[in-house]
Amino acid sequence: MALSPYARHDRLIVVDVEPQHVVVQGAEGAPPYRARCIWAGDSPPLARGDTLVVTNVNPSSDLTVVEQVAPGAREGHVYELSEYQPAPGPP
């Protein structure tokens, strides 16, 4: 199990969506990672191009909590990312 490659407040871009997984890349050009994605509550599925911000990183596991950033929205939807694997660049 790889620890989260991201830190709190990092911005991520969704570059691909698969069943139960997403490929995200750091907005600052960090390498892309494929991660298991768990939708929290009534959060809708993510789509390519969605922007996420890391709100919490568990230092003893690979669990990362992210929130979707949407223009004009007070609060975004929450997702949990885990089981990180290096991914090829954007499709």
PDB file of N, CA and C in Angstrom:
ATOM      1  N   MET A   1       0.845  -1.185   0.000  1.00  0.00           N
ATOM      2  CA  MET A   1       0.000   0.000   0.000  1.00  0.00           C
ATOM      3  C   MET A   1       0.886   1.242   0.000  1.00  0.00           C
ATOM      4  N   ALA A   2       0.700   2.105  -0.980  1.00  0.00           N
ATOM      5  CA  ALA A   2       1.465   3.342  -1.073  1.00  0.00           C
ATOM      6  C   ALA A   2       0.725   4.452  -0.328  1.00  0.00           C
ATOM      7  N   LEU A   3       1.471   5.259   0.413  1.00  0.00           N
ATOM      8  CA  LEU A   3       0.855   6.395   1.090  1.00  0.00           C
ATOM      9  C   LEU A   3       0.395   7.397   0.046  1.00  0.00           C
ATOM     10  N   SER A   4      -0.500   8.274   0.459  1.00  0.00           N
ATOM     11  CA  SER A   4      -1.013   9.279  -0.462  1.00  0.00           C
ATOM     12  C   SER A   4       0.128  10.130  -1.012  1.00  0.00           C
ATOM     13  N   PRO A   5       0.157  10.335  -2.324  1.00  0.00           N
ATOM     14  CA  PRO A   5       1.204  11.183  -2.909  1.00  0.00           C
ATOM     15  C   PRO A   5       0.880  12.677  -2.792  1.00  0.00           C
ATOM     16  N   TYR A   6      -0.234  13.002  -2.150  1.00  0.00           N
ATOM     17  CA  TYR A   6      -0.690  14.384  -2.089  1.00  0.00           C
ATOM     18  C   TYR A   6      -0.725  14.911  -0.658  1.00  0.00           C
ATOM     19  N   ALA A   7      -0.719  16.229  -0.527  1.00  0.00           N
ATOM     20  CA  ALA A   7      -0.766  16.898   0.768  1.00  0.00           C
ATOM     21  C   ALA A   7      -2.043  17.738   0.853  1.00  0.00           C
ATOM     22  N   ARG A   8      -2.414  18.096   2.070  1.00  0.00           N
ATOM     23  CA  ARG A   8      -3.593  18.922   2.279  1.00  0.00           C
ATOM     24  C   ARG A   8      -3.476  20.209   1.465  1.00  0.00           C
ATOM     25  N   HIS A   9      -4.577  20.604   0.867  1.00  0.00           N
ATOM     26  CA  HIS A   9      -4.725  21.809   0.034  1.00  0.00           C
ATOM     27  C   HIS A   9      -4.213  21.638  -1.394  1.00  0.00           C
ATOM     28  N   ASP A  10      -3.626  20.490  -1.743  1.00  0.00           N
ATOM     29  CA  ASP A  10      -3.238  20.262  -3.139  1.00  0.00           C
ATOM     30  C   ASP A  10      -4.485  20.275  -4.019  1.00  0.00           C
ATOM     31  N   ARG A  11      -4.336  20.810  -5.213  1.00  0.00           N
ATOM     32  CA  ARG A  11      -5.420  20.781  -6.203  1.00  0.00           C
ATOM     33  C   ARG A  11      -5.129  19.679  -7.202  1.00  0.00           C
ATOM     34  N   LEU A  12      -6.161  18.898  -7.515  1.00  0.00           N
ATOM     35  CA  LEU A  12      -6.029  17.772  -8.432  1.00  0.00           C
ATOM     36  C   LEU A  12      -7.008  17.933  -9.579  1.00  0.00           C
ATOM     37  N   ILE A  13      -6.636  17.435 -10.733  1.00  0.00           N
ATOM     38  CA  ILE A  13      -7.499  17.432 -11.908  1.00  0.00           C
ATOM     39  C   ILE A  13      -7.808  15.971 -12.243  1.00  0.00           C
ATOM     40  N   VAL A  14      -9.084  15.659 -12.470  1.00  0.00           N
ATOM     41  CA  VAL A  14      -9.475  14.310 -12.895  1.00  0.00           C
ATOM     42  C   VAL A  14      -9.175  14.201 -14.382  1.00  0.00           C
ATOM     43  N   VAL A  15      -8.281  13.258 -14.746  1.00  0.00           N
ATOM     44  CA  VAL A  15      -7.916  13.103 -16.154  1.00  0.00           C
ATOM     45  C   VAL A  15      -8.554  11.879 -16.796  1.00  0.00           C
ATOM     46  N   ASP A  16      -9.077  10.951 -15.984  1.00  0.00           N
ATOM     47  CA  ASP A  16      -9.777   9.789 -16.522  1.00  0.00           C
ATOM     48  C   ASP A  16     -10.654   9.198 -15.430  1.00  0.00           C
ATOM     49  N   VAL A  17     -11.732   8.568 -15.844  1.00  0.00           N
ATOM     50  CA  VAL A  17     -12.672   7.934 -14.914  1.00  0.00           C
ATOM     51  C   VAL A  17     -12.895   6.507 -15.371  1.00  0.00           C
ATOM     52  N   GLU A  18     -12.774   5.571 -14.429  1.00  0.00           N
ATOM     53  CA  GLU A  18     -13.009   4.147 -14.671  1.00  0.00           C
ATOM     54  C   GLU A  18     -14.013   3.678 -13.620  1.00  0.00           C
ATOM     55  N   PRO A  19     -14.612   2.511 -13.804  1.00  0.00           N
ATOM     56  CA  PRO A  19     -15.485   2.000 -12.747  1.00  0.00           C
ATOM     57  C   PRO A  19     -14.695   1.848 -11.442  1.00  0.00           C
ATOM     58  N   GLN A  20     -15.124   2.508 -10.408  1.00  0.00           N
ATOM     59  CA  GLN A  20     -14.548   2.483  -9.054  1.00  0.00           C
ATOM     60  C   GLN A  20     -13.181   3.145  -8.937  1.00  0.00           C
ATOM     61  N   HIS A  21     -12.629   3.700 -10.007  1.00  0.00           N
ATOM     62  CA  HIS A  21     -11.322   4.351  -9.957  1.00  0.00           C
ATOM     63  C   HIS A  21     -11.343   5.661 -10.738  1.00  0.00           C
ATOM     64  N   VAL A  22     -10.412   6.542 -10.382  1.00  0.00           N
ATOM     65  CA  VAL A  22     -10.180   7.762 -11.157  1.00  0.00           C
ATOM     66  C   VAL A  22      -8.668   7.900 -11.343  1.00  0.00           C
ATOM     67  N   VAL A  23      -8.281   8.614 -12.377  1.00  0.00           N
ATOM     68  CA  VAL A  23      -6.889   8.999 -12.556  1.00  0.00           C
ATOM     69  C   VAL A  23      -6.845  10.501 -12.320  1.00  0.00           C
ATOM     70  N   VAL A  24      -6.000  10.897 -11.355  1.00  0.00           N
ATOM     71  CA  VAL A  24      -5.892  12.317 -11.006  1.00  0.00           C
ATOM     72  C   VAL A  24      -4.446  12.759 -11.194  1.00  0.00           C
ATOM     73  N   GLN A  25      -4.298  14.043 -11.468  1.00  0.00           N
ATOM     74  CA  GLN A  25      -2.978  14.629 -11.643  1.00  0.00           C
ATOM     75  C   GLN A  25      -2.945  15.926 -10.858  1.00  0.00           C
ATOM     76  N   GLY A  26      -1.819  16.175 -10.172  1.00  0.00           N
ATOM     77  CA  GLY A  26      -1.673  17.428  -9.449  1.00  0.00           C
ATOM     78  C   GLY A  26      -1.772  18.605 -10.396  1.00  0.00           C
ATOM     79  N   ALA A  27      -2.463  19.647  -9.984  1.00  0.00           N
ATOM     80  CA  ALA A  27      -2.651  20.822 -10.835  1.00  0.00           C
ATOM     81  C   ALA A  27      -1.321  21.494 -11.162  1.00  0.00           C
ATOM     82  N   GLU A  28      -0.299  21.254 -10.355  1.00  0.00           N
ATOM     83  CA  GLU A  28       1.016  21.855 -10.585  1.00  0.00           C
ATOM     84  C   GLU A  28       1.908  20.973 -11.450  1.00  0.00           C
ATOM     85  N   GLY A  29       1.306  19.988 -12.146  1.00  0.00           N
ATOM     86  CA  GLY A  29       2.068  19.141 -13.052  1.00  0.00           C
ATOM     87  C   GLY A  29       2.650  17.892 -12.417  1.00  0.00           C
ATOM     88  N   ALA A  30       2.210  17.545 -11.209  1.00  0.00           N
ATOM     89  CA  ALA A  30       2.688  16.316 -10.562  1.00  0.00           C
ATOM     90  C   ALA A  30       2.275  15.112 -11.403  1.00  0.00           C
ATOM     91  N   PRO A  31       2.981  13.988 -11.276  1.00  0.00           N
ATOM     92  CA  PRO A  31       2.640  12.806 -12.077  1.00  0.00           C
ATOM     93  C   PRO A  31       1.230  12.298 -11.761  1.00  0.00           C
ATOM     94  N   PRO A  32       0.583  11.676 -12.729  1.00  0.00           N
ATOM     95  CA  PRO A  32      -0.772  11.161 -12.495  1.00  0.00           C
ATOM     96  C   PRO A  32      -0.759   9.857 -11.693  1.00  0.00           C
ATOM     97  N   TYR A  33      -1.819   9.667 -10.925  1.00  0.00           N
ATOM     98  CA  TYR A  33      -2.016   8.440 -10.161  1.00  0.00           C
ATOM     99  C   TYR A  33      -3.425   7.918 -10.372  1.00  0.00           C
ATOM    100  N   ARG A  34      -3.534   6.596 -10.430  1.00  0.00           N
ATOM    101  CA  ARG A  34      -4.836   5.924 -10.471  1.00  0.00           C
ATOM    102  C   ARG A  34      -5.180   5.585  -9.031  1.00  0.00           C
ATOM    103  N   ALA A  35      -6.418   5.879  -8.615  1.00  0.00           N
ATOM    104  CA  ALA A  35      -6.827   5.648  -7.234  1.00  0.00           C
ATOM    105  C   ALA A  35      -8.254   5.118  -7.182  1.00  0.00           C
ATOM    106  N   ARG A  36      -8.504   4.266  -6.200  1.00  0.00           N
ATOM    107  CA  ARG A  36      -9.878   3.835  -5.928  1.00  0.00           C
ATOM    108  C   ARG A  36     -10.632   5.054  -5.426  1.00  0.00           C
ATOM    109  N   CYS A  37     -11.852   5.238  -5.896  1.00  0.00           N
ATOM    110  CA  CYS A  37     -12.655   6.401  -5.517  1.00  0.00           C
ATOM    111  C   CYS A  37     -13.946   5.935  -4.863  1.00  0.00           C
ATOM    112  N   ILE A  38     -14.188   6.427  -3.655  1.00  0.00           N
ATOM    113  CA  ILE A  38     -15.429   6.129  -2.937  1.00  0.00           C
ATOM    114  C   ILE A  38     -16.220   7.423  -2.847  1.00  0.00           C
ATOM    115  N   TRP A  39     -17.448   7.370  -3.331  1.00  0.00           N
ATOM    116  CA  TRP A  39     -18.327   8.525  -3.292  1.00  0.00           C
ATOM    117  C   TRP A  39     -18.909   8.625  -1.887  1.00  0.00           C
ATOM    118  N   ALA A  40     -18.782   9.781  -1.247  1.00  0.00           N
ATOM    119  CA  ALA A  40     -19.311   9.986   0.094  1.00  0.00           C
ATOM    120  C   ALA A  40     -20.722  10.579   0.002  1.00  0.00           C
ATOM    121  N   GLY A  41     -21.658   9.953   0.717  1.00  0.00           N
ATOM    122  CA  GLY A  41     -23.030  10.470   0.755  1.00  0.00           C
ATOM    123  C   GLY A  41     -23.676  10.485  -0.613  1.00  0.00           C
ATOM    124  N   ASP A  42     -24.232  11.619  -0.999  1.00  0.00           N
ATOM    125  CA  ASP A  42     -24.955  11.732  -2.266  1.00  0.00           C
ATOM    126  C   ASP A  42     -24.110  12.371  -3.369  1.00  0.00           C
ATOM    127  N   SER A  43     -22.804  12.288  -3.240  1.00  0.00           N
ATOM    128  CA  SER A  43     -21.915  12.876  -4.250  1.00  0.00           C
ATOM    129  C   SER A  43     -22.104  12.184  -5.596  1.00  0.00           C
ATOM    130  N   PRO A  44     -22.207  12.955  -6.687  1.00  0.00           N
ATOM    131  CA  PRO A  44     -22.342  12.355  -8.015  1.00  0.00           C
ATOM    132  C   PRO A  44     -21.000  11.817  -8.499  1.00  0.00           C
ATOM    133  N   PRO A  45     -21.012  10.950  -9.495  1.00  0.00           N
ATOM    134  CA  PRO A  45     -19.740  10.455 -10.050  1.00  0.00           C
ATOM    135  C   PRO A  45     -18.892  11.612 -10.583  1.00  0.00           C
ATOM    136  N   LEU A  46     -17.594  11.434 -10.502  1.00  0.00           N
ATOM    137  CA  LEU A  46     -16.681  12.440 -11.044  1.00  0.00           C
ATOM    138  C   LEU A  46     -16.592  12.301 -12.559  1.00  0.00           C
ATOM    139  N   ALA A  47     -16.149  13.368 -13.213  1.00  0.00           N
ATOM    140  CA  ALA A  47     -15.997  13.380 -14.666  1.00  0.00           C
ATOM    141  C   ALA A  47     -14.638  13.973 -15.016  1.00  0.00           C
ATOM    142  N   ARG A  48     -14.152  13.639 -16.219  1.00  0.00           N
ATOM    143  CA  ARG A  48     -12.891  14.228 -16.692  1.00  0.00           C
ATOM    144  C   ARG A  48     -12.980  15.741 -16.605  1.00  0.00           C
ATOM    145  N   GLY A  49     -11.888  16.332 -16.152  1.00  0.00           N
ATOM    146  CA  GLY A  49     -11.826  17.791 -16.054  1.00  0.00           C
ATOM    147  C   GLY A  49     -12.275  18.344 -14.716  1.00  0.00           C
ATOM    148  N   ASP A  50     -12.896  17.532 -13.847  1.00  0.00           N
ATOM    149  CA  ASP A  50     -13.298  18.012 -12.527  1.00  0.00           C
ATOM    150  C   ASP A  50     -12.062  18.410 -11.730  1.00  0.00           C
ATOM    151  N   THR A  51     -12.197  19.448 -10.924  1.00  0.00           N
ATOM    152  CA  THR A  51     -11.121  19.899 -10.056  1.00  0.00           C
ATOM    153  C   THR A  51     -11.451  19.504  -8.620  1.00  0.00           C
ATOM    154  N   LEU A  52     -10.442  18.961  -7.927  1.00  0.00           N
ATOM    155  CA  LEU A  52     -10.603  18.529  -6.548  1.00  0.00           C
ATOM    156  C   LEU A  52      -9.566  19.237  -5.690  1.00  0.00           C
ATOM    157  N   VAL A  53      -9.879  19.414  -4.414  1.00  0.00           N
ATOM    158  CA  VAL A  53      -8.896  19.926  -3.465  1.00  0.00           C
ATOM    159  C   VAL A  53      -8.800  18.915  -2.325  1.00  0.00           C
ATOM    160  N   VAL A  54      -7.563  18.628  -1.898  1.00  0.00           N
ATOM    161  CA  VAL A  54      -7.343  17.681  -0.805  1.00  0.00           C
ATOM    162  C   VAL A  54      -7.694  18.378   0.507  1.00  0.00           C
ATOM    163  N   THR A  55      -8.612  17.774   1.274  1.00  0.00           N
ATOM    164  CA  THR A  55      -9.012  18.356   2.555  1.00  0.00           C
ATOM    165  C   THR A  55      -8.437  17.614   3.746  1.00  0.00           C
ATOM    166  N   ASN A  56      -8.071  16.333   3.563  1.00  0.00           N
ATOM    167  CA  ASN A  56      -7.515  15.567   4.669  1.00  0.00           C
ATOM    168  C   ASN A  56      -6.672  14.417   4.114  1.00  0.00           C
ATOM    169  N   VAL A  57      -5.517  14.188   4.735  1.00  0.00           N
ATOM    170  CA  VAL A  57      -4.658  13.065   4.374  1.00  0.00           C
ATOM    171  C   VAL A  57      -4.387  12.279   5.649  1.00  0.00           C
ATOM    172  N   ASN A  58      -4.678  10.981   5.626  1.00  0.00           N
ATOM    173  CA  ASN A  58      -4.382  10.128   6.770  1.00  0.00           C
ATOM    174  C   ASN A  58      -2.902   9.759   6.697  1.00  0.00           C
ATOM    175  N   PRO A  59      -2.078  10.197   7.669  1.00  0.00           N
ATOM    176  CA  PRO A  59      -0.633   9.964   7.586  1.00  0.00           C
ATOM    177  C   PRO A  59      -0.217   8.505   7.755  1.00  0.00           C
ATOM    178  N   SER A  60      -1.104   7.656   8.262  1.00  0.00           N
ATOM    179  CA  SER A  60      -0.722   6.262   8.480  1.00  0.00           C
ATOM    180  C   SER A  60      -1.343   5.308   7.466  1.00  0.00           C
ATOM    181  N   SER A  61      -2.047   5.840   6.476  1.00  0.00           N
ATOM    182  CA  SER A  61      -2.627   5.002   5.431  1.00  0.00           C
ATOM    183  C   SER A  61      -2.595   5.768   4.116  1.00  0.00           C
ATOM    184  N   ASP A  62      -3.208   5.186   3.097  1.00  0.00           N
ATOM    185  CA  ASP A  62      -3.238   5.868   1.799  1.00  0.00           C
ATOM    186  C   ASP A  62      -4.541   6.624   1.575  1.00  0.00           C
ATOM    187  N   LEU A  63      -5.365   6.780   2.595  1.00  0.00           N
ATOM    188  CA  LEU A  63      -6.669   7.433   2.441  1.00  0.00           C
ATOM    189  C   LEU A  63      -6.522   8.950   2.342  1.00  0.00           C
ATOM    190  N   THR A  64      -7.091   9.507   1.286  1.00  0.00           N
ATOM    191  CA  THR A  64      -7.089  10.945   1.054  1.00  0.00           C
ATOM    192  C   THR A  64      -8.530  11.389   0.850  1.00  0.00           C
ATOM    193  N   VAL A  65      -8.963  12.399   1.593  1.00  0.00           N
ATOM    194  CA  VAL A  65     -10.304  12.956   1.423  1.00  0.00           C
ATOM    195  C   VAL A  65     -10.179  14.194   0.541  1.00  0.00           C
ATOM    196  N   VAL A  66     -10.996  14.245  -0.503  1.00  0.00           N
ATOM    197  CA  VAL A  66     -10.967  15.379  -1.420  1.00  0.00           C
ATOM    198  C   VAL A  66     -12.371  15.955  -1.559  1.00  0.00           C
ATOM    199  N   GLU A  67     -12.421  17.207  -1.934  1.00  0.00           N
ATOM    200  CA  GLU A  67     -13.695  17.890  -2.161  1.00  0.00           C
ATOM    201  C   GLU A  67     -13.679  18.469  -3.564  1.00  0.00           C
ATOM    202  N   GLN A  68     -14.793  18.302  -4.263  1.00  0.00           N
ATOM    203  CA  GLN A  68     -14.910  18.828  -5.622  1.00  0.00           C
ATOM    204  C   GLN A  68     -15.052  20.340  -5.553  1.00  0.00           C
ATOM    205  N   VAL A  69     -14.312  21.034  -6.399  1.00  0.00           N
ATOM    206  CA  VAL A  69     -14.380  22.484  -6.470  1.00  0.00           C
ATOM    207  C   VAL A  69     -15.260  22.839  -7.653  1.00  0.00           C
ATOM    208  N   ALA A  70     -16.375  23.499  -7.374  1.00  0.00           N
ATOM    209  CA  ALA A  70     -17.302  23.879  -8.444  1.00  0.00           C
ATOM    210  C   ALA A  70     -17.505  25.388  -8.404  1.00  0.00           C
ATOM    211  N   PRO A  71     -17.428  26.050  -9.552  1.00  0.00           N
ATOM    212  CA  PRO A  71     -17.634  27.502  -9.585  1.00  0.00           C
ATOM    213  C   PRO A  71     -18.990  27.875  -8.995  1.00  0.00           C
ATOM    214  N   GLY A  72     -18.978  28.846  -8.079  1.00  0.00           N
ATOM    215  CA  GLY A  72     -20.222  29.345  -7.502  1.00  0.00           C
ATOM    216  C   GLY A  72     -20.808  28.500  -6.388  1.00  0.00           C
ATOM    217  N   ALA A  73     -20.235  27.341  -6.093  1.00  0.00           N
ATOM    218  CA  ALA A  73     -20.777  26.480  -5.042  1.00  0.00           C
ATOM    219  C   ALA A  73     -20.082  26.781  -3.721  1.00  0.00           C
ATOM    220  N   ARG A  74     -20.858  26.809  -2.635  1.00  0.00           N
ATOM    221  CA  ARG A  74     -20.273  27.042  -1.316  1.00  0.00           C
ATOM    222  C   ARG A  74     -19.468  25.844  -0.855  1.00  0.00           C
ATOM    223  N   GLU A  75     -20.011  24.650  -1.053  1.00  0.00           N
ATOM    224  CA  GLU A  75     -19.326  23.433  -0.650  1.00  0.00           C
ATOM    225  C   GLU A  75     -19.418  22.423  -1.770  1.00  0.00           C
ATOM    226  N   GLY A  76     -18.333  21.747  -2.016  1.00  0.00           N
ATOM    227  CA  GLY A  76     -18.338  20.726  -3.049  1.00  0.00           C
ATOM    228  C   GLY A  76     -18.688  19.368  -2.483  1.00  0.00           C
ATOM    229  N   HIS A  77     -18.788  18.394  -3.352  1.00  0.00           N
ATOM    230  CA  HIS A  77     -19.068  17.024  -2.945  1.00  0.00           C
ATOM    231  C   HIS A  77     -17.773  16.375  -2.458  1.00  0.00           C
ATOM    232  N   VAL A  78     -17.910  15.405  -1.557  1.00  0.00           N
ATOM    233  CA  VAL A  78     -16.751  14.785  -0.919  1.00  0.00           C
ATOM    234  C   VAL A  78     -16.536  13.373  -1.458  1.00  0.00           C
ATOM    235  N   TYR A  79     -15.251  13.026  -1.642  1.00  0.00           N
ATOM    236  CA  TYR A  79     -14.854  11.712  -2.143  1.00  0.00           C
ATOM    237  C   TYR A  79     -13.648  11.242  -1.344  1.00  0.00           C
ATOM    238  N   GLU A  80     -13.445   9.927  -1.284  1.00  0.00           N
ATOM    239  CA  GLU A  80     -12.263   9.358  -0.652  1.00  0.00           C
ATOM    240  C   GLU A  80     -11.450   8.647  -1.719  1.00  0.00           C
ATOM    241  N   LEU A  81     -10.159   8.933  -1.767  1.00  0.00           N
ATOM    242  CA  LEU A  81      -9.252   8.288  -2.708  1.00  0.00           C
ATOM    243  C   LEU A  81      -8.280   7.404  -1.928  1.00  0.00           C
ATOM    244  N   SER A  82      -7.968   6.243  -2.480  1.00  0.00           N
ATOM    245  CA  SER A  82      -7.021   5.329  -1.827  1.00  0.00           C
ATOM    246  C   SER A  82      -6.441   4.380  -2.875  1.00  0.00           C
ATOM    247  N   GLU A  83      -5.538   3.511  -2.435  1.00  0.00           N
ATOM    248  CA  GLU A  83      -4.929   2.489  -3.289  1.00  0.00           C
ATOM    249  C   GLU A  83      -4.269   3.097  -4.521  1.00  0.00           C
ATOM    250  N   TYR A  84      -3.397   4.063  -4.294  1.00  0.00           N
ATOM    251  CA  TYR A  84      -2.725   4.781  -5.384  1.00  0.00           C
ATOM    252  C   TYR A  84      -1.759   3.896  -6.156  1.00  0.00           C
ATOM    253  N   GLN A  85      -1.776   4.071  -7.481  1.00  0.00           N
ATOM    254  CA  GLN A  85      -0.833   3.405  -8.376  1.00  0.00           C
ATOM    255  C   GLN A  85      -0.387   4.432  -9.413  1.00  0.00           C
ATOM    256  N   PRO A  86       0.895   4.460  -9.763  1.00  0.00           N
ATOM    257  CA  PRO A  86       1.321   5.358 -10.839  1.00  0.00           C
ATOM    258  C   PRO A  86       0.514   5.076 -12.108  1.00  0.00           C
ATOM    259  N   ALA A  87       0.177   6.122 -12.818  1.00  0.00           N
ATOM    260  CA  ALA A  87      -0.621   5.974 -14.050  1.00  0.00           C
ATOM    261  C   ALA A  87       0.107   6.641 -15.200  1.00  0.00           C
ATOM    262  N   PRO A  88      -0.168   6.192 -16.430  1.00  0.00           N
ATOM    263  CA  PRO A  88       0.412   6.890 -17.580  1.00  0.00           C
ATOM    264  C   PRO A  88      -0.178   8.298 -17.661  1.00  0.00           C
ATOM    265  N   GLY A  89       0.411   9.154 -18.441  1.00  0.00           N
ATOM    266  CA  GLY A  89      -0.068  10.522 -18.614  1.00  0.00           C
ATOM    267  C   GLY A  89      -1.499  10.573 -19.107  1.00  0.00           C
ATOM    268  N   PRO A  90      -2.096  11.768 -19.174  1.00  0.00           N
ATOM    269  CA  PRO A  90      -3.490  11.908 -19.614  1.00  0.00           C
ATOM    270  C   PRO A  90      -3.719  11.243 -20.963  1.00  0.00           C
ATOM    271  N   PRO A  91      -4.914  10.623 -21.115  1.00  0.00           N
ATOM    272  CA  PRO A  91      -5.247   9.949 -22.396  1.00  0.00           C
ATOM    273  C   PRO A  91      -5.415  10.936 -23.526  1.00  0.00           C
TER     274      PRO A  91
END
